[in-house]
Amino acid sequence: MATKKGGKKGSAKKRSGGGGGRKKARKSSAKKSGKKRTPNAAFMKPMNPSSQLAAVVGSSPMPRTEVTKKLWQYIKRKGLQDAKERRMINADENLRAVFGGKSKVSMFEMTKLVSKHLK
């Protein structure tokens, strides 16, 4: 009877350890396929910025991704990112109009406020 108990324990160990190796193999084979993600068409659609936002990023129609890039370029150039809390943006006169009068906005709230200025 002792051999039956030992056999069950050994087979259980094999089952639990074997599943992890198969998952790793699947993940690595998916990375090797070389497929690139296609960008979402909604993000690539040119949008017209409002007059307040145009003072910061320019008035020509551009996709949301480009608006965000230009906004960050403006923030870095003017040194508006808070030194202690890097997530916070200190607004100057141009950005205060975009941010609805707020003088300090988090970078996550910034995209929400900017989307109101895109048509």
PDB file of N, CA and C in Angstrom:
ATOM      1  N   MET A   1       0.800  -1.193   0.000  1.00  0.00           N
ATOM      2  CA  MET A   1       0.000   0.000   0.000  1.00  0.00           C
ATOM      3  C   MET A   1       0.849   1.266   0.000  1.00  0.00           C
ATOM      4  N   ALA A   2       1.995   1.207   0.548  1.00  0.00           N
ATOM      5  CA  ALA A   2       2.868   2.378   0.601  1.00  0.00           C
ATOM      6  C   ALA A   2       3.272   2.813  -0.805  1.00  0.00           C
ATOM      7  N   THR A   3       3.384   1.883  -1.728  1.00  0.00           N
ATOM      8  CA  THR A   3       3.781   2.236  -3.092  1.00  0.00           C
ATOM      9  C   THR A   3       2.690   3.006  -3.813  1.00  0.00           C
ATOM     10  N   LYS A   4       1.429   2.725  -3.505  1.00  0.00           N
ATOM     11  CA  LYS A   4       0.350   3.465  -4.164  1.00  0.00           C
ATOM     12  C   LYS A   4       0.365   4.935  -3.771  1.00  0.00           C
ATOM     13  N   LYS A   5       0.566   5.209  -2.474  1.00  0.00           N
ATOM     14  CA  LYS A   5       0.599   6.602  -2.031  1.00  0.00           C
ATOM     15  C   LYS A   5       1.768   7.346  -2.658  1.00  0.00           C
ATOM     16  N   GLY A   6       2.903   6.708  -2.730  1.00  0.00           N
ATOM     17  CA  GLY A   6       4.077   7.338  -3.318  1.00  0.00           C
ATOM     18  C   GLY A   6       3.878   7.617  -4.800  1.00  0.00           C
ATOM     19  N   GLY A   7       3.178   6.732  -5.498  1.00  0.00           N
ATOM     20  CA  GLY A   7       2.942   6.913  -6.925  1.00  0.00           C
ATOM     21  C   GLY A   7       2.030   8.095  -7.198  1.00  0.00           C
ATOM     22  N   LYS A   8       1.039   8.296  -6.349  1.00  0.00           N
ATOM     23  CA  LYS A   8       0.126   9.414  -6.548  1.00  0.00           C
ATOM     24  C   LYS A   8       0.824  10.749  -6.324  1.00  0.00           C
ATOM     25  N   LYS A   9       1.674  10.796  -5.306  1.00  0.00           N
ATOM     26  CA  LYS A   9       2.374  12.045  -5.034  1.00  0.00           C
ATOM     27  C   LYS A   9       3.301  12.411  -6.182  1.00  0.00           C
ATOM     28  N   GLY A  10       3.988  11.465  -6.713  1.00  0.00           N
ATOM     29  CA  GLY A  10       4.926  11.723  -7.799  1.00  0.00           C
ATOM     30  C   GLY A  10       4.221  12.188  -9.058  1.00  0.00           C
ATOM     31  N   SER A  11       3.060  11.606  -9.368  1.00  0.00           N
ATOM     32  CA  SER A  11       2.358  12.007 -10.584  1.00  0.00           C
ATOM     33  C   SER A  11       1.747  13.406 -10.433  1.00  0.00           C
ATOM     34  N   ALA A  12       1.353  13.758  -9.214  1.00  0.00           N
ATOM     35  CA  ALA A  12       0.797  15.094  -8.992  1.00  0.00           C
ATOM     36  C   ALA A  12       1.871  16.158  -9.193  1.00  0.00           C
ATOM     37  N   LYS A  13       3.093  15.857  -8.791  1.00  0.00           N
ATOM     38  CA  LYS A  13       4.179  16.814  -8.977  1.00  0.00           C
ATOM     39  C   LYS A  13       4.442  17.041 -10.459  1.00  0.00           C
ATOM     40  N   LYS A  14       4.370  16.012 -11.239  1.00  0.00           N
ATOM     41  CA  LYS A  14       4.625  16.140 -12.666  1.00  0.00           C
ATOM     42  C   LYS A  14       3.566  17.001 -13.336  1.00  0.00           C
ATOM     43  N   ARG A  15       2.312  16.839 -12.946  1.00  0.00           N
ATOM     44  CA  ARG A  15       1.230  17.609 -13.556  1.00  0.00           C
ATOM     45  C   ARG A  15       1.340  19.088 -13.222  1.00  0.00           C
ATOM     46  N   SER A  16       1.639  19.417 -11.977  1.00  0.00           N
ATOM     47  CA  SER A  16       1.664  20.828 -11.599  1.00  0.00           C
ATOM     48  C   SER A  16       2.860  21.562 -12.201  1.00  0.00           C
ATOM     49  N   GLY A  17       3.970  20.909 -12.353  1.00  0.00           N
ATOM     50  CA  GLY A  17       5.161  21.577 -12.878  1.00  0.00           C
ATOM     51  C   GLY A  17       5.158  21.679 -14.388  1.00  0.00           C
ATOM     52  N   GLY A  18       4.445  20.831 -15.086  1.00  0.00           N
ATOM     53  CA  GLY A  18       4.504  20.804 -16.543  1.00  0.00           C
ATOM     54  C   GLY A  18       3.740  21.930 -17.207  1.00  0.00           C
ATOM     55  N   GLY A  19       2.728  22.496 -16.576  1.00  0.00           N
ATOM     56  CA  GLY A  19       1.899  23.523 -17.207  1.00  0.00           C
ATOM     57  C   GLY A  19       2.623  24.837 -17.420  1.00  0.00           C
ATOM     58  N   GLY A  20       3.513  25.197 -16.514  1.00  0.00           N
ATOM     59  CA  GLY A  20       4.214  26.475 -16.608  1.00  0.00           C
ATOM     60  C   GLY A  20       5.149  26.545 -17.804  1.00  0.00           C
ATOM     61  N   GLY A  21       5.778  25.433 -18.140  1.00  0.00           N
ATOM     62  CA  GLY A  21       6.715  25.420 -19.257  1.00  0.00           C
ATOM     63  C   GLY A  21       6.028  25.620 -20.589  1.00  0.00           C
ATOM     64  N   ARG A  22       4.847  25.076 -20.721  1.00  0.00           N
ATOM     65  CA  ARG A  22       4.121  25.221 -21.984  1.00  0.00           C
ATOM     66  C   ARG A  22       3.689  26.663 -22.219  1.00  0.00           C
ATOM     67  N   LYS A  23       3.280  27.347 -21.175  1.00  0.00           N
ATOM     68  CA  LYS A  23       2.855  28.744 -21.330  1.00  0.00           C
ATOM     69  C   LYS A  23       4.017  29.613 -21.770  1.00  0.00           C
ATOM     70  N   LYS A  24       5.196  29.381 -21.226  1.00  0.00           N
ATOM     71  CA  LYS A  24       6.359  30.164 -21.609  1.00  0.00           C
ATOM     72  C   LYS A  24       6.696  29.937 -23.079  1.00  0.00           C
ATOM     73  N   ALA A  25       6.547  28.737 -23.526  1.00  0.00           N
ATOM     74  CA  ALA A  25       6.869  28.431 -24.920  1.00  0.00           C
ATOM     75  C   ALA A  25       5.907  29.161 -25.858  1.00  0.00           C
ATOM     76  N   ARG A  26       4.649  29.245 -25.491  1.00  0.00           N
ATOM     77  CA  ARG A  26       3.671  29.943 -26.331  1.00  0.00           C
ATOM     78  C   ARG A  26       3.980  31.432 -26.409  1.00  0.00           C
ATOM     79  N   LYS A  27       4.329  32.022 -25.284  1.00  0.00           N
ATOM     80  CA  LYS A  27       4.608  33.456 -25.270  1.00  0.00           C
ATOM     81  C   LYS A  27       5.820  33.782 -26.122  1.00  0.00           C
ATOM     82  N   SER A  28       6.865  32.987 -26.002  1.00  0.00           N
ATOM     83  CA  SER A  28       8.076  33.292 -26.757  1.00  0.00           C
ATOM     84  C   SER A  28       7.863  33.079 -28.250  1.00  0.00           C
ATOM     85  N   SER A  29       7.019  32.121 -28.642  1.00  0.00           N
ATOM     86  CA  SER A  29       6.767  31.914 -30.069  1.00  0.00           C
ATOM     87  C   SER A  29       5.932  33.056 -30.647  1.00  0.00           C
ATOM     88  N   ALA A  30       5.074  33.675 -29.821  1.00  0.00           N
ATOM     89  CA  ALA A  30       4.273  34.803 -30.295  1.00  0.00           C
ATOM     90  C   ALA A  30       5.161  36.022 -30.521  1.00  0.00           C
ATOM     91  N   LYS A  31       6.181  36.197 -29.700  1.00  0.00           N
ATOM     92  CA  LYS A  31       7.080  37.326 -29.867  1.00  0.00           C
ATOM     93  C   LYS A  31       7.940  37.166 -31.116  1.00  0.00           C
ATOM     94  N   LYS A  32       8.270  35.956 -31.455  1.00  0.00           N
ATOM     95  CA  LYS A  32       9.133  35.703 -32.611  1.00  0.00           C
ATOM     96  C   LYS A  32       8.413  35.915 -33.933  1.00  0.00           C
ATOM     97  N   SER A  33       7.069  35.923 -33.924  1.00  0.00           N
ATOM     98  CA  SER A  33       6.331  36.029 -35.182  1.00  0.00           C
ATOM     99  C   SER A  33       6.567  37.370 -35.875  1.00  0.00           C
ATOM    100  N   GLY A  34       6.867  38.438 -35.116  1.00  0.00           N
ATOM    101  CA  GLY A  34       7.215  39.721 -35.708  1.00  0.00           C
ATOM    102  C   GLY A  34       6.023  40.546 -36.155  1.00  0.00           C
ATOM    103  N   LYS A  35       4.829  40.240 -35.730  1.00  0.00           N
ATOM    104  CA  LYS A  35       3.659  41.035 -36.111  1.00  0.00           C
ATOM    105  C   LYS A  35       3.679  42.359 -35.375  1.00  0.00           C
ATOM    106  N   LYS A  36       3.431  43.439 -36.101  1.00  0.00           N
ATOM    107  CA  LYS A  36       3.361  44.760 -35.483  1.00  0.00           C
ATOM    108  C   LYS A  36       1.902  45.120 -35.262  1.00  0.00           C
ATOM    109  N   ARG A  37       1.661  45.854 -34.178  1.00  0.00           N
ATOM    110  CA  ARG A  37       0.302  46.308 -33.902  1.00  0.00           C
ATOM    111  C   ARG A  37      -0.056  47.405 -34.878  1.00  0.00           C
ATOM    112  N   THR A  38      -1.292  47.380 -35.330  1.00  0.00           N
ATOM    113  CA  THR A  38      -1.761  48.465 -36.187  1.00  0.00           C
ATOM    114  C   THR A  38      -2.383  49.534 -35.293  1.00  0.00           C
ATOM    115  N   PRO A  39      -2.070  50.801 -35.517  1.00  0.00           N
ATOM    116  CA  PRO A  39      -2.628  51.860 -34.673  1.00  0.00           C
ATOM    117  C   PRO A  39      -4.132  52.002 -34.893  1.00  0.00           C
ATOM    118  N   ASN A  40      -4.818  52.401 -33.845  1.00  0.00           N
ATOM    119  CA  ASN A  40      -6.257  52.610 -33.905  1.00  0.00           C
ATOM    120  C   ASN A  40      -6.533  53.818 -34.798  1.00  0.00           C
ATOM    121  N   ALA A  41      -7.447  53.659 -35.733  1.00  0.00           N
ATOM    122  CA  ALA A  41      -7.755  54.726 -36.688  1.00  0.00           C
ATOM    123  C   ALA A  41      -8.309  55.973 -36.007  1.00  0.00           C
ATOM    124  N   ALA A  42      -8.992  55.801 -34.881  1.00  0.00           N
ATOM    125  CA  ALA A  42      -9.567  56.949 -34.170  1.00  0.00           C
ATOM    126  C   ALA A  42      -8.472  57.878 -33.646  1.00  0.00           C
ATOM    127  N   PHE A  43      -7.327  57.326 -33.257  1.00  0.00           N
ATOM    128  CA  PHE A  43      -6.233  58.157 -32.758  1.00  0.00           C
ATOM    129  C   PHE A  43      -5.492  58.854 -33.891  1.00  0.00           C
ATOM    130  N   MET A  44      -5.583  58.316 -35.095  1.00  0.00           N
ATOM    131  CA  MET A  44      -4.835  58.868 -36.219  1.00  0.00           C
ATOM    132  C   MET A  44      -5.651  59.865 -37.049  1.00  0.00           C
ATOM    133  N   LYS A  45      -6.928  60.038 -36.731  1.00  0.00           N
ATOM    134  CA  LYS A  45      -7.785  60.961 -37.468  1.00  0.00           C
ATOM    135  C   LYS A  45      -7.384  62.407 -37.148  1.00  0.00           C
ATOM    136  N   PRO A  46      -7.115  63.233 -38.167  1.00  0.00           N
ATOM    137  CA  PRO A  46      -6.745  64.632 -37.886  1.00  0.00           C
ATOM    138  C   PRO A  46      -7.896  65.390 -37.218  1.00  0.00           C
ATOM    139  N   MET A  47      -7.567  66.100 -36.146  1.00  0.00           N
ATOM    140  CA  MET A  47      -8.547  66.877 -35.392  1.00  0.00           C
ATOM    141  C   MET A  47      -8.146  68.349 -35.443  1.00  0.00           C
ATOM    142  N   ASN A  48      -9.147  69.221 -35.391  1.00  0.00           N
ATOM    143  CA  ASN A  48      -8.903  70.668 -35.399  1.00  0.00           C
ATOM    144  C   ASN A  48      -8.831  71.170 -33.964  1.00  0.00           C
ATOM    145  N   PRO A  49      -7.710  71.770 -33.563  1.00  0.00           N
ATOM    146  CA  PRO A  49      -7.617  72.302 -32.201  1.00  0.00           C
ATOM    147  C   PRO A  49      -8.386  73.617 -32.055  1.00  0.00           C
ATOM    148  N   SER A  50      -8.875  73.867 -30.856  1.00  0.00           N
ATOM    149  CA  SER A  50      -9.564  75.134 -30.580  1.00  0.00           C
ATOM    150  C   SER A  50      -8.536  76.262 -30.598  1.00  0.00           C
ATOM    151  N   SER A  51      -9.020  77.496 -30.525  1.00  0.00           N
ATOM    152  CA  SER A  51      -8.105  78.644 -30.569  1.00  0.00           C
ATOM    153  C   SER A  51      -7.172  78.664 -29.355  1.00  0.00           C
ATOM    154  N   GLN A  52      -7.676  78.244 -28.172  1.00  0.00           N
ATOM    155  CA  GLN A  52      -6.821  78.209 -26.977  1.00  0.00           C
ATOM    156  C   GLN A  52      -5.710  77.172 -27.121  1.00  0.00           C
ATOM    157  N   LEU A  53      -6.059  75.988 -27.636  1.00  0.00           N
ATOM    158  CA  LEU A  53      -5.076  74.926 -27.820  1.00  0.00           C
ATOM    159  C   LEU A  53      -4.129  75.245 -28.974  1.00  0.00           C
ATOM    160  N   ALA A  54      -4.623  75.938 -29.988  1.00  0.00           N
ATOM    161  CA  ALA A  54      -3.797  76.303 -31.139  1.00  0.00           C
ATOM    162  C   ALA A  54      -2.656  77.237 -30.726  1.00  0.00           C
ATOM    163  N   ALA A  55      -2.842  78.008 -29.665  1.00  0.00           N
ATOM    164  CA  ALA A  55      -1.775  78.875 -29.180  1.00  0.00           C
ATOM    165  C   ALA A  55      -0.589  78.073 -28.656  1.00  0.00           C
ATOM    166  N   VAL A  56      -0.831  76.816 -28.281  1.00  0.00           N
ATOM    167  CA  VAL A  56       0.218  75.969 -27.731  1.00  0.00           C
ATOM    168  C   VAL A  56       0.794  75.020 -28.785  1.00  0.00           C
ATOM    169  N   VAL A  57      -0.070  74.331 -29.547  1.00  0.00           N
ATOM    170  CA  VAL A  57       0.391  73.271 -30.452  1.00  0.00           C
ATOM    171  C   VAL A  57       0.345  73.647 -31.928  1.00  0.00           C
ATOM    172  N   GLY A  58      -0.288  74.740 -32.278  1.00  0.00           N
ATOM    173  CA  GLY A  58      -0.419  75.125 -33.681  1.00  0.00           C
ATOM    174  C   GLY A  58      -1.848  74.930 -34.151  1.00  0.00           C
ATOM    175  N   SER A  59      -2.209  75.580 -35.249  1.00  0.00           N
ATOM    176  CA  SER A  59      -3.603  75.584 -35.687  1.00  0.00           C
ATOM    177  C   SER A  59      -3.924  74.553 -36.758  1.00  0.00           C
ATOM    178  N   SER A  60      -2.936  73.860 -37.298  1.00  0.00           N
ATOM    179  CA  SER A  60      -3.211  72.895 -38.371  1.00  0.00           C
ATOM    180  C   SER A  60      -3.836  71.625 -37.795  1.00  0.00           C
ATOM    181  N   PRO A  61      -4.720  70.966 -38.563  1.00  0.00           N
ATOM    182  CA  PRO A  61      -5.315  69.712 -38.090  1.00  0.00           C
ATOM    183  C   PRO A  61      -4.242  68.640 -37.907  1.00  0.00           C
ATOM    184  N   MET A  62      -4.315  67.920 -36.788  1.00  0.00           N
ATOM    185  CA  MET A  62      -3.348  66.864 -36.506  1.00  0.00           C
ATOM    186  C   MET A  62      -3.989  65.785 -35.654  1.00  0.00           C
ATOM    187  N   PRO A  63      -3.451  64.561 -35.681  1.00  0.00           N
ATOM    188  CA  PRO A  63      -4.001  63.482 -34.854  1.00  0.00           C
ATOM    189  C   PRO A  63      -3.773  63.739 -33.364  1.00  0.00           C
ATOM    190  N   ARG A  64      -4.559  63.055 -32.543  1.00  0.00           N
ATOM    191  CA  ARG A  64      -4.449  63.201 -31.088  1.00  0.00           C
ATOM    192  C   ARG A  64      -3.040  62.901 -30.592  1.00  0.00           C
ATOM    193  N   THR A  65      -2.413  61.894 -31.183  1.00  0.00           N
ATOM    194  CA  THR A  65      -1.068  61.521 -30.753  1.00  0.00           C
ATOM    195  C   THR A  65      -0.088  62.663 -30.981  1.00  0.00           C
ATOM    196  N   GLU A  66      -0.235  63.346 -32.101  1.00  0.00           N
ATOM    197  CA  GLU A  66       0.657  64.466 -32.413  1.00  0.00           C
ATOM    198  C   GLU A  66       0.384  65.651 -31.490  1.00  0.00           C
ATOM    199  N   VAL A  67      -0.886  65.873 -31.138  1.00  0.00           N
ATOM    200  CA  VAL A  67      -1.242  66.949 -30.202  1.00  0.00           C
ATOM    201  C   VAL A  67      -0.554  66.700 -28.861  1.00  0.00           C
ATOM    202  N   THR A  68      -0.599  65.455 -28.386  1.00  0.00           N
ATOM    203  CA  THR A  68       0.024  65.116 -27.108  1.00  0.00           C
ATOM    204  C   THR A  68       1.531  65.319 -27.168  1.00  0.00           C
ATOM    205  N   LYS A  69       2.157  64.927 -28.262  1.00  0.00           N
ATOM    206  CA  LYS A  69       3.607  65.111 -28.420  1.00  0.00           C
ATOM    207  C   LYS A  69       3.979  66.590 -28.383  1.00  0.00           C
ATOM    208  N   LYS A  70       3.229  67.401 -29.113  1.00  0.00           N
ATOM    209  CA  LYS A  70       3.533  68.839 -29.167  1.00  0.00           C
ATOM    210  C   LYS A  70       3.278  69.507 -27.820  1.00  0.00           C
ATOM    211  N   LEU A  71       2.260  69.036 -27.120  1.00  0.00           N
ATOM    212  CA  LEU A  71       1.962  69.573 -25.794  1.00  0.00           C
ATOM    213  C   LEU A  71       3.115  69.290 -24.833  1.00  0.00           C
ATOM    214  N   TRP A  72       3.646  68.073 -24.887  1.00  0.00           N
ATOM    215  CA  TRP A  72       4.776  67.722 -24.021  1.00  0.00           C
ATOM    216  C   TRP A  72       6.038  68.483 -24.415  1.00  0.00           C
ATOM    217  N   GLN A  73       6.225  68.722 -25.702  1.00  0.00           N
ATOM    218  CA  GLN A  73       7.368  69.531 -26.133  1.00  0.00           C
ATOM    219  C   GLN A  73       7.277  70.941 -25.549  1.00  0.00           C
ATOM    220  N   TYR A  74       6.075  71.504 -25.565  1.00  0.00           N
ATOM    221  CA  TYR A  74       5.835  72.833 -25.008  1.00  0.00           C
ATOM    222  C   TYR A  74       6.122  72.839 -23.504  1.00  0.00           C
ATOM    223  N   ILE A  75       5.629  71.813 -22.801  1.00  0.00           N
ATOM    224  CA  ILE A  75       5.811  71.723 -21.347  1.00  0.00           C
ATOM    225  C   ILE A  75       7.289  71.607 -21.003  1.00  0.00           C
ATOM    226  N   LYS A  76       8.022  70.784 -21.733  1.00  0.00           N
ATOM    227  CA  LYS A  76       9.459  70.600 -21.473  1.00  0.00           C
ATOM    228  C   LYS A  76      10.245  71.875 -21.801  1.00  0.00           C
ATOM    229  N   ARG A  77       9.909  72.513 -22.932  1.00  0.00           N
ATOM    230  CA  ARG A  77      10.616  73.718 -23.362  1.00  0.00           C
ATOM    231  C   ARG A  77      10.455  74.843 -22.346  1.00  0.00           C
ATOM    232  N   LYS A  78       9.250  74.984 -21.796  1.00  0.00           N
ATOM    233  CA  LYS A  78       8.964  76.061 -20.835  1.00  0.00           C
ATOM    234  C   LYS A  78       9.292  75.668 -19.387  1.00  0.00           C
ATOM    235  N   GLY A  79       9.616  74.383 -19.151  1.00  0.00           N
ATOM    236  CA  GLY A  79       9.929  73.924 -17.799  1.00  0.00           C
ATOM    237  C   GLY A  79       8.719  73.936 -16.882  1.00  0.00           C
ATOM    238  N   LEU A  80       7.578  73.495 -17.382  1.00  0.00           N
ATOM    239  CA  LEU A  80       6.330  73.568 -16.619  1.00  0.00           C
ATOM    240  C   LEU A  80       6.029  72.316 -15.794  1.00  0.00           C
ATOM    241  N   GLN A  81       6.835  71.283 -15.951  1.00  0.00           N
ATOM    242  CA  GLN A  81       6.618  70.076 -15.148  1.00  0.00           C
ATOM    243  C   GLN A  81       7.129  70.340 -13.737  1.00  0.00           C
ATOM    244  N   ASP A  82       6.331  69.993 -12.738  1.00  0.00           N
ATOM    245  CA  ASP A  82       6.683  70.256 -11.348  1.00  0.00           C
ATOM    246  C   ASP A  82       7.956  69.498 -10.977  1.00  0.00           C
ATOM    247  N   ALA A  83       8.865  70.139 -10.265  1.00  0.00           N
ATOM    248  CA  ALA A  83      10.155  69.527  -9.935  1.00  0.00           C
ATOM    249  C   ALA A  83      10.015  68.401  -8.910  1.00  0.00           C
ATOM    250  N   LYS A  84       9.144  68.580  -7.921  1.00  0.00           N
ATOM    251  CA  LYS A  84       8.985  67.556  -6.880  1.00  0.00           C
ATOM    252  C   LYS A  84       8.015  66.466  -7.307  1.00  0.00           C
ATOM    253  N   GLU A  85       6.847  66.850  -7.759  1.00  0.00           N
ATOM    254  CA  GLU A  85       5.840  65.891  -8.232  1.00  0.00           C
ATOM    255  C   GLU A  85       5.866  65.898  -9.753  1.00  0.00           C
ATOM    256  N   ARG A  86       6.575  64.969 -10.350  1.00  0.00           N
ATOM    257  CA  ARG A  86       6.776  64.951 -11.794  1.00  0.00           C
ATOM    258  C   ARG A  86       5.483  64.708 -12.566  1.00  0.00           C
ATOM    259  N   ARG A  87       4.449  64.213 -11.893  1.00  0.00           N
ATOM    260  CA  ARG A  87       3.164  63.962 -12.560  1.00  0.00           C
ATOM    261  C   ARG A  87       2.337  65.229 -12.754  1.00  0.00           C
ATOM    262  N   MET A  88       2.714  66.279 -12.060  1.00  0.00           N
ATOM    263  CA  MET A  88       1.934  67.511 -12.097  1.00  0.00           C
ATOM    264  C   MET A  88       2.517  68.505 -13.101  1.00  0.00           C
ATOM    265  N   ILE A  89       1.608  69.220 -13.776  1.00  0.00           N
ATOM    266  CA  ILE A  89       1.982  70.230 -14.755  1.00  0.00           C
ATOM    267  C   ILE A  89       1.547  71.587 -14.205  1.00  0.00           C
ATOM    268  N   ASN A  90       2.481  72.524 -14.121  1.00  0.00           N
ATOM    269  CA  ASN A  90       2.169  73.901 -13.703  1.00  0.00           C
ATOM    270  C   ASN A  90       1.814  74.688 -14.954  1.00  0.00           C
ATOM    271  N   ALA A  91       0.604  75.199 -15.010  1.00  0.00           N
ATOM    272  CA  ALA A  91       0.124  75.871 -16.219  1.00  0.00           C
ATOM    273  C   ALA A  91       0.591  77.326 -16.276  1.00  0.00           C
ATOM    274  N   ASP A  92       0.992  77.742 -17.489  1.00  0.00           N
ATOM    275  CA  ASP A  92       1.251  79.161 -17.726  1.00  0.00           C
ATOM    276  C   ASP A  92      -0.029  79.779 -18.302  1.00  0.00           C
ATOM    277  N   GLU A  93       0.032  80.993 -18.838  1.00  0.00           N
ATOM    278  CA  GLU A  93      -1.173  81.670 -19.332  1.00  0.00           C
ATOM    279  C   GLU A  93      -1.852  80.883 -20.460  1.00  0.00           C
ATOM    280  N   ASN A  94      -1.054  80.371 -21.391  1.00  0.00           N
ATOM    281  CA  ASN A  94      -1.628  79.628 -22.524  1.00  0.00           C
ATOM    282  C   ASN A  94      -2.264  78.316 -22.080  1.00  0.00           C
ATOM    283  N   LEU A  95      -1.588  77.588 -21.200  1.00  0.00           N
ATOM    284  CA  LEU A  95      -2.129  76.303 -20.752  1.00  0.00           C
ATOM    285  C   LEU A  95      -3.299  76.474 -19.791  1.00  0.00           C
ATOM    286  N   ARG A  96      -3.329  77.555 -19.042  1.00  0.00           N
ATOM    287  CA  ARG A  96      -4.443  77.781 -18.109  1.00  0.00           C
ATOM    288  C   ARG A  96      -5.755  77.891 -18.871  1.00  0.00           C
ATOM    289  N   ALA A  97      -5.723  78.465 -20.062  1.00  0.00           N
ATOM    290  CA  ALA A  97      -6.933  78.561 -20.887  1.00  0.00           C
ATOM    291  C   ALA A  97      -7.373  77.173 -21.360  1.00  0.00           C
ATOM    292  N   VAL A  98      -6.406  76.304 -21.652  1.00  0.00           N
ATOM    293  CA  VAL A  98      -6.723  74.937 -22.098  1.00  0.00           C
ATOM    294  C   VAL A  98      -7.221  74.097 -20.929  1.00  0.00           C
ATOM    295  N   PHE A  99      -6.640  74.308 -19.739  1.00  0.00           N
ATOM    296  CA  PHE A  99      -6.974  73.504 -18.555  1.00  0.00           C
ATOM    297  C   PHE A  99      -8.187  74.018 -17.793  1.00  0.00           C
ATOM    298  N   GLY A 100      -8.929  74.933 -18.370  1.00  0.00           N
ATOM    299  CA  GLY A 100     -10.144  75.422 -17.728  1.00  0.00           C
ATOM    300  C   GLY A 100      -9.876  76.299 -16.524  1.00  0.00           C
ATOM    301  N   GLY A 101      -8.797  77.072 -16.538  1.00  0.00           N
ATOM    302  CA  GLY A 101      -8.495  77.986 -15.443  1.00  0.00           C
ATOM    303  C   GLY A 101      -7.687  77.379 -14.314  1.00  0.00           C
ATOM    304  N   LYS A 102      -7.392  76.094 -14.358  1.00  0.00           N
ATOM    305  CA  LYS A 102      -6.614  75.458 -13.293  1.00  0.00           C
ATOM    306  C   LYS A 102      -5.138  75.796 -13.462  1.00  0.00           C
ATOM    307  N   SER A 103      -4.467  76.034 -12.337  1.00  0.00           N
ATOM    308  CA  SER A 103      -3.049  76.378 -12.409  1.00  0.00           C
ATOM    309  C   SER A 103      -2.140  75.161 -12.300  1.00  0.00           C
ATOM    310  N   LYS A 104      -2.672  74.047 -11.771  1.00  0.00           N
ATOM    311  CA  LYS A 104      -1.884  72.820 -11.622  1.00  0.00           C
ATOM    312  C   LYS A 104      -2.771  71.627 -11.966  1.00  0.00           C
ATOM    313  N   VAL A 105      -2.279  70.777 -12.875  1.00  0.00           N
ATOM    314  CA  VAL A 105      -3.068  69.644 -13.372  1.00  0.00           C
ATOM    315  C   VAL A 105      -2.165  68.424 -13.436  1.00  0.00           C
ATOM    316  N   SER A 106      -2.714  67.235 -13.144  1.00  0.00           N
ATOM    317  CA  SER A 106      -1.922  66.015 -13.296  1.00  0.00           C
ATOM    318  C   SER A 106      -1.847  65.643 -14.775  1.00  0.00           C
ATOM    319  N   MET A 107      -0.815  64.911 -15.139  1.00  0.00           N
ATOM    320  CA  MET A 107      -0.631  64.559 -16.552  1.00  0.00           C
ATOM    321  C   MET A 107      -1.772  63.675 -17.064  1.00  0.00           C
ATOM    322  N   PHE A 108      -2.431  62.938 -16.184  1.00  0.00           N
ATOM    323  CA  PHE A 108      -3.540  62.088 -16.600  1.00  0.00           C
ATOM    324  C   PHE A 108      -4.802  62.915 -16.833  1.00  0.00           C
ATOM    325  N   GLU A 109      -4.983  63.929 -16.023  1.00  0.00           N
ATOM    326  CA  GLU A 109      -6.123  64.831 -16.182  1.00  0.00           C
ATOM    327  C   GLU A 109      -5.924  65.732 -17.405  1.00  0.00           C
ATOM    328  N   MET A 110      -4.668  65.974 -17.741  1.00  0.00           N
ATOM    329  CA  MET A 110      -4.338  66.854 -18.857  1.00  0.00           C
ATOM    330  C   MET A 110      -4.943  66.340 -20.166  1.00  0.00           C
ATOM    331  N   THR A 111      -4.809  65.050 -20.442  1.00  0.00           N
ATOM    332  CA  THR A 111      -5.342  64.511 -21.708  1.00  0.00           C
ATOM    333  C   THR A 111      -6.858  64.633 -21.769  1.00  0.00           C
ATOM    334  N   LYS A 112      -7.509  64.489 -20.623  1.00  0.00           N
ATOM    335  CA  LYS A 112      -8.966  64.633 -20.571  1.00  0.00           C
ATOM    336  C   LYS A 112      -9.376  66.073 -20.884  1.00  0.00           C
ATOM    337  N   LEU A 113      -8.656  67.029 -20.328  1.00  0.00           N
ATOM    338  CA  LEU A 113      -8.963  68.442 -20.555  1.00  0.00           C
ATOM    339  C   LEU A 113      -8.638  68.861 -21.988  1.00  0.00           C
ATOM    340  N   VAL A 114      -7.582  68.314 -22.554  1.00  0.00           N
ATOM    341  CA  VAL A 114      -7.184  68.670 -23.916  1.00  0.00           C
ATOM    342  C   VAL A 114      -8.189  68.127 -24.934  1.00  0.00           C
ATOM    343  N   SER A 115      -8.760  66.957 -24.657  1.00  0.00           N
ATOM    344  CA  SER A 115      -9.703  66.349 -25.610  1.00  0.00           C
ATOM    345  C   SER A 115     -10.944  67.218 -25.812  1.00  0.00           C
ATOM    346  N   LYS A 116     -11.272  68.075 -24.841  1.00  0.00           N
ATOM    347  CA  LYS A 116     -12.400  68.979 -24.980  1.00  0.00           C
ATOM    348  C   LYS A 116     -12.122  70.078 -26.011  1.00  0.00           C
ATOM    349  N   HIS A 117     -10.845  70.304 -26.292  1.00  0.00           N
ATOM    350  CA  HIS A 117     -10.447  71.352 -27.234  1.00  0.00           C
ATOM    351  C   HIS A 117     -10.185  70.823 -28.644  1.00  0.00           C
ATOM    352  N   LEU A 118     -10.501  69.555 -28.885  1.00  0.00           N
ATOM    353  CA  LEU A 118     -10.318  68.970 -30.219  1.00  0.00           C
ATOM    354  C   LEU A 118     -11.675  68.694 -30.848  1.00  0.00           C
ATOM    355  N   LYS A 119     -11.830  69.117 -32.114  1.00  0.00           N
ATOM    356  CA  LYS A 119     -13.110  68.925 -32.817  1.00  0.00           C
ATOM    357  C   LYS A 119     -12.921  67.989 -33.964  1.00  0.00           C
TER     358      LYS A 119
END
